[in-house]
Amino acid sequence: MKTDMAKIIEDYVDAHTDAVSPLLETLLAETDIITGQSRWSIGKVEGKLLQLLIKISNTKQAVEVGTFTGYSALMIAEALPEDGILTTCENSKAYADIALRYFKKSPYGKKIHLKLGPALDTLARIPDNNQDFVFIDADKPSYGQYFDQALRILRPGGLIFVDNVFWRKKIFKKKITNENAGAIAAFNEKVLREDQVEKVMLSIRDGVYLIRKK
């Protein structure tokens, strides 16, 4: 019954959230065909929340850690002002190639600068206090390092938006044996103890952590 109610709530929330563009729907479908992992994309509801946060915070400079096939990057770019820039990091050339194809098809793609290679290398080249918004959705064992870099590059008042902080609900097990779940559980505790930030965890999709640098 609990599972049924969760699905009912999820469907209701989806139905009462603005639609995404046909291009994003096509990208999601192609992602599923090519990778079988369309669930790795953030989806409509989380994407629309991301867009509202970017607009409310007047973000102009944003960083994304984990491009995958470009769904979230395009959501971010759509919400940025005309002079806004998104730097997105992807370590897989195969995923980056798909993303670049769709960036070229989108009127918002010109705002996106894709950096191929280890995200920590890209982040290390960004100056301190230089960015307004950081979205983290990449390899889970590195979340703590991405968070540290995000704190460094964000201006005071900047936001960090972190995906998958429930890791498929495996963090709630009494004994965590999954490597990614263990990394996420450790990351969540790290953020909780960090006094440089304000934070709220939200039970959207696979769990998100919204964090503000003081």
N, C-alpha and C. Protein backbone atom coordinates (compact mmCIF):
# COMPACT_ATOMS: atom_id res chain seq x y z
N MET A 1 0.84 -1.21 0.00
CA MET A 1 0.00 0.00 0.00
C MET A 1 0.87 1.25 0.00
N LYS A 2 1.99 1.22 0.78
CA LYS A 2 2.87 2.37 0.83
C LYS A 2 3.49 2.64 -0.53
N THR A 3 3.86 1.55 -1.23
CA THR A 3 4.45 1.69 -2.56
C THR A 3 3.44 2.29 -3.52
N ASP A 4 2.19 1.81 -3.44
CA ASP A 4 1.13 2.33 -4.30
C ASP A 4 0.91 3.82 -4.04
N MET A 5 0.89 4.23 -2.78
CA MET A 5 0.67 5.63 -2.45
C MET A 5 1.84 6.48 -2.94
N ALA A 6 3.06 5.97 -2.82
CA ALA A 6 4.23 6.70 -3.32
C ALA A 6 4.11 6.94 -4.81
N LYS A 7 3.63 5.95 -5.54
CA LYS A 7 3.46 6.09 -6.99
C LYS A 7 2.34 7.08 -7.31
N ILE A 8 1.28 7.04 -6.55
CA ILE A 8 0.17 7.98 -6.75
C ILE A 8 0.66 9.41 -6.54
N ILE A 9 1.43 9.63 -5.47
CA ILE A 9 1.96 10.98 -5.18
C ILE A 9 2.91 11.42 -6.29
N GLU A 10 3.78 10.52 -6.71
CA GLU A 10 4.74 10.84 -7.77
C GLU A 10 4.03 11.25 -9.06
N ASP A 11 3.01 10.50 -9.44
CA ASP A 11 2.26 10.80 -10.65
C ASP A 11 1.51 12.13 -10.53
N TYR A 12 0.96 12.39 -9.36
CA TYR A 12 0.23 13.64 -9.13
C TYR A 12 1.17 14.84 -9.23
N VAL A 13 2.33 14.73 -8.60
CA VAL A 13 3.34 15.79 -8.65
C VAL A 13 3.76 16.04 -10.10
N ASP A 14 4.01 14.98 -10.83
CA ASP A 14 4.42 15.10 -12.22
C ASP A 14 3.34 15.81 -13.05
N ALA A 15 2.08 15.46 -12.82
CA ALA A 15 0.97 16.03 -13.58
C ALA A 15 0.76 17.51 -13.28
N HIS A 16 1.22 17.95 -12.11
CA HIS A 16 1.02 19.34 -11.72
C HIS A 16 2.32 20.16 -11.80
N THR A 17 3.22 19.70 -12.62
CA THR A 17 4.49 20.39 -12.88
C THR A 17 4.57 20.72 -14.36
N ASP A 18 5.12 21.89 -14.69
CA ASP A 18 5.24 22.30 -16.09
C ASP A 18 5.96 21.24 -16.93
N ALA A 19 5.56 21.16 -18.19
CA ALA A 19 6.19 20.22 -19.12
C ALA A 19 7.57 20.71 -19.55
N VAL A 20 8.38 19.78 -20.02
CA VAL A 20 9.68 20.14 -20.60
C VAL A 20 9.52 20.21 -22.11
N SER A 21 10.55 20.71 -22.78
CA SER A 21 10.49 20.88 -24.23
C SER A 21 10.50 19.53 -24.95
N PRO A 22 9.95 19.47 -26.17
CA PRO A 22 10.00 18.24 -26.97
C PRO A 22 11.44 17.75 -27.18
N LEU A 23 12.40 18.67 -27.29
CA LEU A 23 13.80 18.27 -27.47
C LEU A 23 14.29 17.47 -26.27
N LEU A 24 13.94 17.89 -25.07
CA LEU A 24 14.35 17.16 -23.88
C LEU A 24 13.67 15.80 -23.81
N GLU A 25 12.42 15.73 -24.22
CA GLU A 25 11.74 14.43 -24.25
C GLU A 25 12.41 13.49 -25.24
N THR A 26 12.82 14.02 -26.39
CA THR A 26 13.53 13.21 -27.39
C THR A 26 14.87 12.74 -26.85
N LEU A 27 15.59 13.64 -26.17
CA LEU A 27 16.88 13.28 -25.59
C LEU A 27 16.72 12.17 -24.56
N LEU A 28 15.70 12.26 -23.73
CA LEU A 28 15.48 11.24 -22.71
C LEU A 28 15.20 9.88 -23.36
N ALA A 29 14.40 9.90 -24.43
CA ALA A 29 14.08 8.66 -25.14
C ALA A 29 15.33 8.06 -25.78
N GLU A 30 16.15 8.89 -26.40
CA GLU A 30 17.37 8.39 -27.03
C GLU A 30 18.36 7.89 -25.98
N THR A 31 18.42 8.57 -24.87
CA THR A 31 19.29 8.14 -23.78
C THR A 31 18.92 6.73 -23.33
N ASP A 32 17.63 6.47 -23.24
CA ASP A 32 17.16 5.14 -22.82
C ASP A 32 17.53 4.08 -23.85
N ILE A 33 17.37 4.42 -25.12
CA ILE A 33 17.69 3.47 -26.20
C ILE A 33 19.18 3.15 -26.23
N ILE A 34 20.02 4.17 -26.11
CA ILE A 34 21.47 3.99 -26.25
C ILE A 34 22.10 3.43 -24.98
N THR A 35 21.71 3.96 -23.83
CA THR A 35 22.39 3.59 -22.59
C THR A 35 21.58 2.67 -21.68
N GLY A 36 20.25 2.67 -21.85
CA GLY A 36 19.39 1.91 -20.94
C GLY A 36 19.34 2.53 -19.55
N GLN A 37 19.83 3.75 -19.43
CA GLN A 37 19.94 4.39 -18.11
C GLN A 37 19.30 5.77 -18.10
N SER A 38 18.13 5.90 -18.67
CA SER A 38 17.47 7.22 -18.68
C SER A 38 17.18 7.70 -17.26
N ARG A 39 17.11 6.77 -16.31
CA ARG A 39 16.86 7.17 -14.91
C ARG A 39 18.02 7.98 -14.34
N TRP A 40 19.19 7.91 -15.00
CA TRP A 40 20.32 8.73 -14.55
C TRP A 40 20.09 10.21 -14.83
N SER A 41 19.19 10.52 -15.76
CA SER A 41 18.81 11.91 -16.00
C SER A 41 17.88 12.35 -14.87
N ILE A 42 17.88 13.63 -14.56
CA ILE A 42 17.15 14.09 -13.36
C ILE A 42 15.63 14.08 -13.52
N GLY A 43 15.14 14.08 -14.75
CA GLY A 43 13.70 14.06 -14.94
C GLY A 43 13.05 15.42 -14.81
N LYS A 44 11.76 15.45 -15.11
CA LYS A 44 11.04 16.72 -15.22
C LYS A 44 10.91 17.47 -13.89
N VAL A 45 10.44 16.81 -12.86
CA VAL A 45 10.13 17.50 -11.60
C VAL A 45 11.40 18.07 -10.97
N GLU A 46 12.44 17.24 -10.86
CA GLU A 46 13.69 17.73 -10.29
C GLU A 46 14.32 18.81 -11.19
N GLY A 47 14.18 18.63 -12.49
CA GLY A 47 14.70 19.61 -13.42
C GLY A 47 14.02 20.96 -13.29
N LYS A 48 12.72 20.95 -13.12
CA LYS A 48 11.98 22.20 -12.96
C LYS A 48 12.30 22.89 -11.63
N LEU A 49 12.53 22.09 -10.59
CA LEU A 49 12.98 22.67 -9.32
C LEU A 49 14.34 23.32 -9.50
N LEU A 50 15.22 22.66 -10.21
CA LEU A 50 16.54 23.20 -10.50
C LEU A 50 16.43 24.54 -11.23
N GLN A 51 15.55 24.60 -12.21
CA GLN A 51 15.37 25.84 -12.97
C GLN A 51 14.86 26.97 -12.08
N LEU A 52 13.90 26.68 -11.23
CA LEU A 52 13.36 27.73 -10.35
C LEU A 52 14.43 28.24 -9.39
N LEU A 53 15.24 27.34 -8.87
CA LEU A 53 16.31 27.76 -7.96
C LEU A 53 17.32 28.67 -8.66
N ILE A 54 17.65 28.34 -9.89
CA ILE A 54 18.59 29.15 -10.67
C ILE A 54 18.01 30.54 -10.92
N LYS A 55 16.73 30.60 -11.25
CA LYS A 55 16.09 31.89 -11.51
C LYS A 55 15.95 32.72 -10.24
N ILE A 56 15.52 32.08 -9.16
CA ILE A 56 15.33 32.79 -7.89
C ILE A 56 16.65 33.35 -7.36
N SER A 57 17.71 32.59 -7.57
CA SER A 57 19.02 33.00 -7.04
C SER A 57 19.78 33.94 -7.97
N ASN A 58 19.16 34.29 -9.10
CA ASN A 58 19.80 35.17 -10.09
C ASN A 58 21.17 34.66 -10.54
N THR A 59 21.25 33.36 -10.73
CA THR A 59 22.50 32.73 -11.14
C THR A 59 22.88 33.14 -12.56
N LYS A 60 24.16 33.48 -12.74
CA LYS A 60 24.71 33.73 -14.07
C LYS A 60 25.82 32.74 -14.41
N GLN A 61 26.58 32.34 -13.40
CA GLN A 61 27.69 31.41 -13.59
C GLN A 61 27.38 30.12 -12.84
N ALA A 62 27.26 29.02 -13.57
CA ALA A 62 26.92 27.74 -12.95
C ALA A 62 27.89 26.66 -13.37
N VAL A 63 28.04 25.67 -12.51
CA VAL A 63 28.88 24.51 -12.79
C VAL A 63 28.06 23.25 -12.57
N GLU A 64 28.21 22.31 -13.47
CA GLU A 64 27.56 21.01 -13.32
C GLU A 64 28.65 19.94 -13.27
N VAL A 65 28.59 19.09 -12.27
CA VAL A 65 29.52 17.97 -12.16
C VAL A 65 28.76 16.71 -12.57
N GLY A 66 29.00 16.24 -13.80
CA GLY A 66 28.30 15.07 -14.32
C GLY A 66 27.27 15.45 -15.38
N THR A 67 27.73 15.54 -16.62
CA THR A 67 26.84 15.93 -17.73
C THR A 67 25.91 14.80 -18.13
N PHE A 68 26.43 13.56 -18.14
CA PHE A 68 25.76 12.40 -18.72
C PHE A 68 25.40 12.76 -20.16
N THR A 69 24.15 12.63 -20.59
CA THR A 69 23.81 12.92 -21.98
C THR A 69 23.25 14.33 -22.18
N GLY A 70 23.28 15.16 -21.15
CA GLY A 70 22.98 16.58 -21.35
C GLY A 70 21.61 17.07 -20.93
N TYR A 71 20.77 16.20 -20.37
CA TYR A 71 19.42 16.62 -20.00
C TYR A 71 19.45 17.75 -18.97
N SER A 72 20.16 17.54 -17.86
CA SER A 72 20.19 18.55 -16.80
C SER A 72 20.93 19.81 -17.26
N ALA A 73 21.96 19.65 -18.08
CA ALA A 73 22.68 20.82 -18.59
C ALA A 73 21.76 21.72 -19.39
N LEU A 74 20.93 21.12 -20.22
CA LEU A 74 19.99 21.91 -21.01
C LEU A 74 18.92 22.54 -20.14
N MET A 75 18.50 21.86 -19.09
CA MET A 75 17.55 22.46 -18.15
C MET A 75 18.16 23.70 -17.48
N ILE A 76 19.41 23.56 -17.07
CA ILE A 76 20.10 24.68 -16.42
C ILE A 76 20.27 25.84 -17.40
N ALA A 77 20.75 25.53 -18.60
CA ALA A 77 20.99 26.57 -19.61
C ALA A 77 19.71 27.33 -19.95
N GLU A 78 18.61 26.63 -20.00
CA GLU A 78 17.32 27.27 -20.30
C GLU A 78 16.97 28.30 -19.24
N ALA A 79 17.33 28.03 -17.99
CA ALA A 79 16.98 28.93 -16.89
C ALA A 79 17.95 30.09 -16.72
N LEU A 80 19.14 29.97 -17.28
CA LEU A 80 20.14 31.03 -17.15
C LEU A 80 19.76 32.24 -18.00
N PRO A 81 20.19 33.44 -17.60
CA PRO A 81 19.96 34.62 -18.45
C PRO A 81 20.77 34.51 -19.74
N GLU A 82 20.53 35.42 -20.66
CA GLU A 82 21.19 35.36 -21.97
C GLU A 82 22.71 35.38 -21.86
N ASP A 83 23.24 36.09 -20.88
CA ASP A 83 24.69 36.16 -20.72
C ASP A 83 25.21 35.13 -19.71
N GLY A 84 24.37 34.19 -19.34
CA GLY A 84 24.78 33.16 -18.38
C GLY A 84 25.66 32.10 -19.02
N ILE A 85 26.48 31.45 -18.20
CA ILE A 85 27.38 30.40 -18.67
C ILE A 85 27.29 29.20 -17.74
N LEU A 86 27.14 28.03 -18.33
CA LEU A 86 27.22 26.76 -17.58
C LEU A 86 28.48 26.03 -18.01
N THR A 87 29.33 25.71 -17.04
CA THR A 87 30.47 24.83 -17.27
C THR A 87 30.07 23.44 -16.79
N THR A 88 30.03 22.47 -17.70
CA THR A 88 29.61 21.13 -17.32
C THR A 88 30.74 20.14 -17.54
N CYS A 89 30.91 19.23 -16.59
CA CYS A 89 32.05 18.30 -16.58
C CYS A 89 31.58 16.87 -16.87
N GLU A 90 32.24 16.23 -17.83
CA GLU A 90 31.91 14.83 -18.16
C GLU A 90 33.18 14.06 -18.48
N ASN A 91 33.31 12.88 -17.90
CA ASN A 91 34.51 12.07 -18.08
C ASN A 91 34.37 11.04 -19.20
N SER A 92 33.13 10.81 -19.67
CA SER A 92 32.89 9.82 -20.72
C SER A 92 32.68 10.51 -22.07
N LYS A 93 33.54 10.19 -23.03
CA LYS A 93 33.40 10.80 -24.35
C LYS A 93 32.11 10.35 -25.03
N ALA A 94 31.71 9.10 -24.81
CA ALA A 94 30.48 8.58 -25.43
C ALA A 94 29.27 9.39 -24.96
N TYR A 95 29.17 9.66 -23.67
CA TYR A 95 28.06 10.46 -23.15
C TYR A 95 28.18 11.90 -23.63
N ALA A 96 29.40 12.43 -23.61
CA ALA A 96 29.61 13.82 -24.01
C ALA A 96 29.22 14.04 -25.47
N ASP A 97 29.50 13.06 -26.33
CA ASP A 97 29.14 13.18 -27.74
C ASP A 97 27.63 13.30 -27.94
N ILE A 98 26.87 12.53 -27.17
CA ILE A 98 25.41 12.64 -27.24
C ILE A 98 24.98 14.03 -26.78
N ALA A 99 25.52 14.45 -25.65
CA ALA A 99 25.16 15.76 -25.10
C ALA A 99 25.47 16.89 -26.09
N LEU A 100 26.63 16.84 -26.71
CA LEU A 100 27.02 17.90 -27.65
C LEU A 100 26.08 17.97 -28.84
N ARG A 101 25.61 16.83 -29.31
CA ARG A 101 24.65 16.82 -30.43
C ARG A 101 23.39 17.58 -30.06
N TYR A 102 22.92 17.37 -28.84
CA TYR A 102 21.69 18.03 -28.40
C TYR A 102 21.93 19.49 -28.04
N PHE A 103 23.12 19.81 -27.56
CA PHE A 103 23.42 21.22 -27.29
C PHE A 103 23.35 22.03 -28.59
N LYS A 104 23.80 21.42 -29.68
CA LYS A 104 23.78 22.11 -30.98
C LYS A 104 22.35 22.30 -31.49
N LYS A 105 21.45 21.41 -31.09
CA LYS A 105 20.05 21.50 -31.53
C LYS A 105 19.26 22.51 -30.71
N SER A 106 19.75 22.86 -29.54
CA SER A 106 18.99 23.71 -28.62
C SER A 106 19.36 25.18 -28.76
N PRO A 107 18.40 26.08 -28.66
CA PRO A 107 18.71 27.52 -28.67
C PRO A 107 19.48 27.95 -27.43
N TYR A 108 19.54 27.07 -26.40
CA TYR A 108 20.24 27.40 -25.17
C TYR A 108 21.64 26.79 -25.11
N GLY A 109 21.96 25.97 -26.12
CA GLY A 109 23.23 25.27 -26.11
C GLY A 109 24.46 26.17 -26.12
N LYS A 110 24.30 27.37 -26.65
CA LYS A 110 25.45 28.31 -26.73
C LYS A 110 25.92 28.75 -25.34
N LYS A 111 25.09 28.57 -24.33
CA LYS A 111 25.48 28.95 -22.97
C LYS A 111 26.31 27.87 -22.28
N ILE A 112 26.43 26.70 -22.91
CA ILE A 112 27.05 25.54 -22.25
C ILE A 112 28.47 25.33 -22.74
N HIS A 113 29.40 25.22 -21.81
CA HIS A 113 30.79 24.89 -22.10
C HIS A 113 31.08 23.51 -21.50
N LEU A 114 31.17 22.50 -22.36
CA LEU A 114 31.41 21.14 -21.87
C LEU A 114 32.91 20.88 -21.76
N LYS A 115 33.34 20.41 -20.59
CA LYS A 115 34.74 20.09 -20.34
C LYS A 115 34.87 18.57 -20.19
N LEU A 116 35.55 17.95 -21.14
CA LEU A 116 35.74 16.50 -21.13
C LEU A 116 36.97 16.16 -20.31
N GLY A 117 36.81 15.26 -19.34
CA GLY A 117 37.92 14.85 -18.49
C GLY A 117 37.47 14.80 -17.04
N PRO A 118 38.37 14.43 -16.14
CA PRO A 118 38.02 14.35 -14.71
C PRO A 118 37.50 15.69 -14.18
N ALA A 119 36.36 15.63 -13.52
CA ALA A 119 35.72 16.86 -13.03
C ALA A 119 36.60 17.60 -12.04
N LEU A 120 37.35 16.88 -11.22
CA LEU A 120 38.19 17.55 -10.23
C LEU A 120 39.27 18.40 -10.90
N ASP A 121 39.73 17.96 -12.06
CA ASP A 121 40.72 18.76 -12.81
C ASP A 121 40.10 20.06 -13.30
N THR A 122 38.86 19.95 -13.82
CA THR A 122 38.16 21.15 -14.30
C THR A 122 37.86 22.10 -13.15
N LEU A 123 37.37 21.55 -12.04
CA LEU A 123 37.03 22.38 -10.89
C LEU A 123 38.26 23.10 -10.34
N ALA A 124 39.40 22.43 -10.36
CA ALA A 124 40.63 23.02 -9.83
C ALA A 124 41.06 24.26 -10.60
N ARG A 125 40.61 24.37 -11.85
CA ARG A 125 40.99 25.52 -12.68
C ARG A 125 40.04 26.71 -12.52
N ILE A 126 38.98 26.54 -11.75
CA ILE A 126 38.01 27.63 -11.54
C ILE A 126 38.45 28.45 -10.32
N PRO A 127 38.52 29.78 -10.44
CA PRO A 127 38.96 30.62 -9.32
C PRO A 127 38.01 30.55 -8.12
N ASP A 128 38.53 30.94 -6.96
CA ASP A 128 37.74 31.00 -5.73
C ASP A 128 36.61 32.02 -5.88
N ASN A 129 35.49 31.74 -5.19
CA ASN A 129 34.38 32.71 -5.08
C ASN A 129 33.92 33.24 -6.43
N ASN A 130 33.85 32.34 -7.43
CA ASN A 130 33.65 32.76 -8.81
C ASN A 130 32.31 32.34 -9.40
N GLN A 131 31.63 31.40 -8.74
CA GLN A 131 30.41 30.82 -9.30
C GLN A 131 29.21 31.08 -8.40
N ASP A 132 28.03 30.99 -9.03
CA ASP A 132 26.77 31.23 -8.30
C ASP A 132 26.06 29.95 -7.91
N PHE A 133 26.29 28.87 -8.65
CA PHE A 133 25.48 27.66 -8.49
C PHE A 133 26.32 26.45 -8.90
N VAL A 134 26.26 25.38 -8.13
CA VAL A 134 26.93 24.13 -8.48
C VAL A 134 25.93 22.98 -8.34
N PHE A 135 25.81 22.19 -9.40
CA PHE A 135 24.95 21.00 -9.39
C PHE A 135 25.86 19.77 -9.42
N ILE A 136 25.69 18.88 -8.44
CA ILE A 136 26.53 17.68 -8.33
C ILE A 136 25.68 16.44 -8.58
N ASP A 137 26.06 15.69 -9.61
CA ASP A 137 25.36 14.44 -9.95
C ASP A 137 26.32 13.56 -10.75
N ALA A 138 27.32 13.01 -10.07
CA ALA A 138 28.35 12.24 -10.77
C ALA A 138 28.73 11.03 -9.90
N ASP A 139 29.98 10.56 -10.01
CA ASP A 139 30.39 9.36 -9.26
C ASP A 139 30.30 9.62 -7.76
N LYS A 140 29.62 8.73 -7.08
CA LYS A 140 29.26 8.96 -5.68
C LYS A 140 30.46 8.98 -4.72
N PRO A 141 31.49 8.12 -4.90
CA PRO A 141 32.62 8.17 -3.98
C PRO A 141 33.36 9.51 -3.97
N SER A 142 33.19 10.31 -5.01
CA SER A 142 33.89 11.61 -5.09
C SER A 142 33.03 12.78 -4.61
N TYR A 143 31.82 12.52 -4.14
CA TYR A 143 30.93 13.61 -3.74
C TYR A 143 31.57 14.54 -2.71
N GLY A 144 32.29 13.99 -1.74
CA GLY A 144 32.91 14.82 -0.72
C GLY A 144 33.91 15.79 -1.31
N GLN A 145 34.71 15.32 -2.28
CA GLN A 145 35.70 16.18 -2.94
C GLN A 145 35.02 17.24 -3.81
N TYR A 146 33.95 16.84 -4.50
CA TYR A 146 33.21 17.81 -5.30
C TYR A 146 32.61 18.90 -4.41
N PHE A 147 32.12 18.50 -3.27
CA PHE A 147 31.53 19.45 -2.32
C PHE A 147 32.59 20.45 -1.83
N ASP A 148 33.77 19.95 -1.50
CA ASP A 148 34.84 20.83 -1.05
C ASP A 148 35.21 21.85 -2.13
N GLN A 149 35.29 21.39 -3.37
CA GLN A 149 35.60 22.30 -4.47
C GLN A 149 34.46 23.29 -4.71
N ALA A 150 33.23 22.81 -4.56
CA ALA A 150 32.08 23.70 -4.73
C ALA A 150 32.11 24.83 -3.71
N LEU A 151 32.43 24.51 -2.48
CA LEU A 151 32.53 25.55 -1.45
C LEU A 151 33.61 26.58 -1.80
N ARG A 152 34.69 26.10 -2.37
CA ARG A 152 35.78 27.02 -2.72
C ARG A 152 35.39 27.96 -3.86
N ILE A 153 34.75 27.43 -4.90
CA ILE A 153 34.49 28.23 -6.10
C ILE A 153 33.22 29.07 -5.99
N LEU A 154 32.35 28.76 -5.03
CA LEU A 154 31.10 29.52 -4.90
C LEU A 154 31.31 30.84 -4.20
N ARG A 155 30.60 31.85 -4.65
CA ARG A 155 30.53 33.13 -3.93
C ARG A 155 29.71 32.92 -2.67
N PRO A 156 29.87 33.76 -1.66
CA PRO A 156 28.98 33.71 -0.50
C PRO A 156 27.52 33.88 -0.96
N GLY A 157 26.66 33.03 -0.46
CA GLY A 157 25.25 33.04 -0.87
C GLY A 157 24.97 32.12 -2.03
N GLY A 158 26.02 31.54 -2.62
CA GLY A 158 25.83 30.62 -3.74
C GLY A 158 25.22 29.30 -3.29
N LEU A 159 24.63 28.59 -4.24
CA LEU A 159 23.90 27.36 -3.94
C LEU A 159 24.59 26.12 -4.50
N ILE A 160 24.46 25.03 -3.76
CA ILE A 160 24.87 23.71 -4.22
C ILE A 160 23.62 22.83 -4.21
N PHE A 161 23.40 22.14 -5.31
CA PHE A 161 22.24 21.25 -5.45
C PHE A 161 22.79 19.85 -5.74
N VAL A 162 22.53 18.90 -4.85
CA VAL A 162 23.14 17.58 -4.95
C VAL A 162 22.05 16.52 -5.15
N ASP A 163 22.26 15.66 -6.14
CA ASP A 163 21.29 14.62 -6.48
C ASP A 163 21.68 13.28 -5.85
N ASN A 164 20.68 12.40 -5.72
CA ASN A 164 20.86 11.00 -5.31
C ASN A 164 21.33 10.83 -3.86
N VAL A 165 20.90 11.70 -2.97
CA VAL A 165 21.38 11.58 -1.59
C VAL A 165 20.65 10.50 -0.78
N PHE A 166 19.71 9.78 -1.42
CA PHE A 166 19.12 8.58 -0.82
C PHE A 166 19.74 7.30 -1.40
N TRP A 167 20.40 7.45 -2.54
CA TRP A 167 20.96 6.35 -3.33
C TRP A 167 20.04 5.12 -3.32
N ARG A 168 18.94 5.29 -4.02
CA ARG A 168 17.97 4.20 -4.21
C ARG A 168 17.48 3.61 -2.89
N LYS A 169 17.43 4.45 -1.86
CA LYS A 169 16.96 4.13 -0.50
C LYS A 169 17.88 3.16 0.24
N LYS A 170 19.05 2.89 -0.34
CA LYS A 170 19.97 1.95 0.30
C LYS A 170 20.68 2.55 1.51
N ILE A 171 20.68 3.88 1.62
CA ILE A 171 21.32 4.50 2.79
C ILE A 171 20.50 4.27 4.06
N PHE A 172 19.26 3.83 3.93
CA PHE A 172 18.40 3.65 5.09
C PHE A 172 18.52 2.25 5.70
N LYS A 173 19.31 1.39 5.09
CA LYS A 173 19.50 0.05 5.64
C LYS A 173 20.34 0.12 6.92
N LYS A 174 20.05 -0.79 7.85
CA LYS A 174 20.79 -0.81 9.11
C LYS A 174 22.27 -1.07 8.87
N LYS A 175 22.56 -1.96 7.91
CA LYS A 175 23.94 -2.23 7.54
C LYS A 175 24.11 -1.91 6.06
N ILE A 176 24.86 -0.88 5.75
CA ILE A 176 25.06 -0.47 4.36
C ILE A 176 26.25 -1.23 3.78
N THR A 177 25.98 -2.02 2.75
CA THR A 177 27.03 -2.80 2.11
C THR A 177 27.35 -2.29 0.71
N ASN A 178 26.45 -1.52 0.12
CA ASN A 178 26.66 -0.98 -1.22
C ASN A 178 27.68 0.17 -1.16
N GLU A 179 28.69 0.13 -2.04
CA GLU A 179 29.76 1.12 -2.01
C GLU A 179 29.23 2.54 -2.23
N ASN A 180 28.37 2.71 -3.22
CA ASN A 180 27.84 4.05 -3.50
C ASN A 180 26.98 4.56 -2.35
N ALA A 181 26.17 3.67 -1.77
CA ALA A 181 25.33 4.06 -0.64
C ALA A 181 26.20 4.46 0.55
N GLY A 182 27.27 3.74 0.77
CA GLY A 182 28.18 4.09 1.86
C GLY A 182 28.82 5.45 1.64
N ALA A 183 29.21 5.72 0.39
CA ALA A 183 29.81 7.02 0.06
C ALA A 183 28.80 8.15 0.25
N ILE A 184 27.56 7.91 -0.15
CA ILE A 184 26.52 8.93 -0.01
C ILE A 184 26.21 9.18 1.47
N ALA A 185 26.12 8.12 2.25
CA ALA A 185 25.84 8.28 3.68
C ALA A 185 26.94 9.11 4.34
N ALA A 186 28.20 8.85 3.97
CA ALA A 186 29.32 9.62 4.52
C ALA A 186 29.26 11.07 4.06
N PHE A 187 28.89 11.28 2.81
CA PHE A 187 28.75 12.64 2.28
C PHE A 187 27.67 13.41 3.03
N ASN A 188 26.53 12.77 3.24
CA ASN A 188 25.42 13.44 3.93
C ASN A 188 25.84 13.89 5.33
N GLU A 189 26.60 13.05 6.02
CA GLU A 189 27.07 13.41 7.35
C GLU A 189 28.09 14.54 7.28
N LYS A 190 28.92 14.53 6.25
CA LYS A 190 29.91 15.60 6.06
C LYS A 190 29.21 16.95 5.90
N VAL A 191 28.18 16.98 5.08
CA VAL A 191 27.44 18.23 4.86
C VAL A 191 26.75 18.66 6.16
N LEU A 192 26.16 17.71 6.86
CA LEU A 192 25.47 18.03 8.10
C LEU A 192 26.40 18.70 9.11
N ARG A 193 27.66 18.28 9.14
CA ARG A 193 28.62 18.83 10.11
C ARG A 193 29.27 20.13 9.65
N GLU A 194 29.10 20.48 8.37
CA GLU A 194 29.79 21.65 7.81
C GLU A 194 29.10 22.94 8.26
N ASP A 195 29.84 23.78 8.99
CA ASP A 195 29.23 25.01 9.51
C ASP A 195 29.36 26.20 8.58
N GLN A 196 29.98 26.00 7.40
CA GLN A 196 30.07 27.08 6.41
C GLN A 196 28.80 27.19 5.58
N VAL A 197 27.85 26.27 5.80
CA VAL A 197 26.67 26.23 4.93
C VAL A 197 25.37 26.11 5.73
N GLU A 198 24.28 26.50 5.06
CA GLU A 198 22.93 26.18 5.51
C GLU A 198 22.45 25.07 4.59
N LYS A 199 21.63 24.17 5.11
CA LYS A 199 21.25 23.04 4.27
C LYS A 199 19.86 22.51 4.60
N VAL A 200 19.21 21.96 3.57
CA VAL A 200 17.94 21.26 3.76
C VAL A 200 17.92 20.08 2.80
N MET A 201 17.54 18.92 3.30
CA MET A 201 17.42 17.73 2.48
C MET A 201 15.95 17.54 2.11
N LEU A 202 15.70 17.24 0.83
CA LEU A 202 14.33 17.12 0.33
C LEU A 202 14.11 15.72 -0.25
N SER A 203 12.92 15.18 0.01
CA SER A 203 12.61 13.81 -0.45
C SER A 203 12.01 13.83 -1.85
N ILE A 204 12.69 14.50 -2.76
CA ILE A 204 12.28 14.54 -4.17
C ILE A 204 13.05 13.46 -4.92
N ARG A 205 12.31 12.64 -5.65
CA ARG A 205 12.91 11.59 -6.46
C ARG A 205 13.85 10.73 -5.60
N ASP A 206 15.15 10.71 -5.90
CA ASP A 206 16.09 9.89 -5.13
C ASP A 206 16.78 10.70 -4.04
N GLY A 207 16.12 11.76 -3.60
CA GLY A 207 16.66 12.60 -2.54
C GLY A 207 17.59 13.66 -3.08
N VAL A 208 17.38 14.91 -2.67
CA VAL A 208 18.28 16.00 -3.07
C VAL A 208 18.69 16.77 -1.83
N TYR A 209 19.89 17.33 -1.87
CA TYR A 209 20.40 18.16 -0.80
C TYR A 209 20.58 19.57 -1.38
N LEU A 210 19.88 20.53 -0.78
CA LEU A 210 20.01 21.93 -1.18
C LEU A 210 20.83 22.65 -0.12
N ILE A 211 21.94 23.24 -0.57
CA ILE A 211 22.94 23.78 0.35
C ILE A 211 23.28 25.21 -0.07
N ARG A 212 23.37 26.10 0.91
CA ARG A 212 23.73 27.51 0.65
C ARG A 212 25.00 27.85 1.39
N LYS A 213 25.98 28.38 0.66
CA LYS A 213 27.22 28.84 1.30
C LYS A 213 26.94 30.13 2.04
N LYS A 214 27.35 30.20 3.29
CA LYS A 214 27.11 31.40 4.10
C LYS A 214 28.00 32.55 3.64
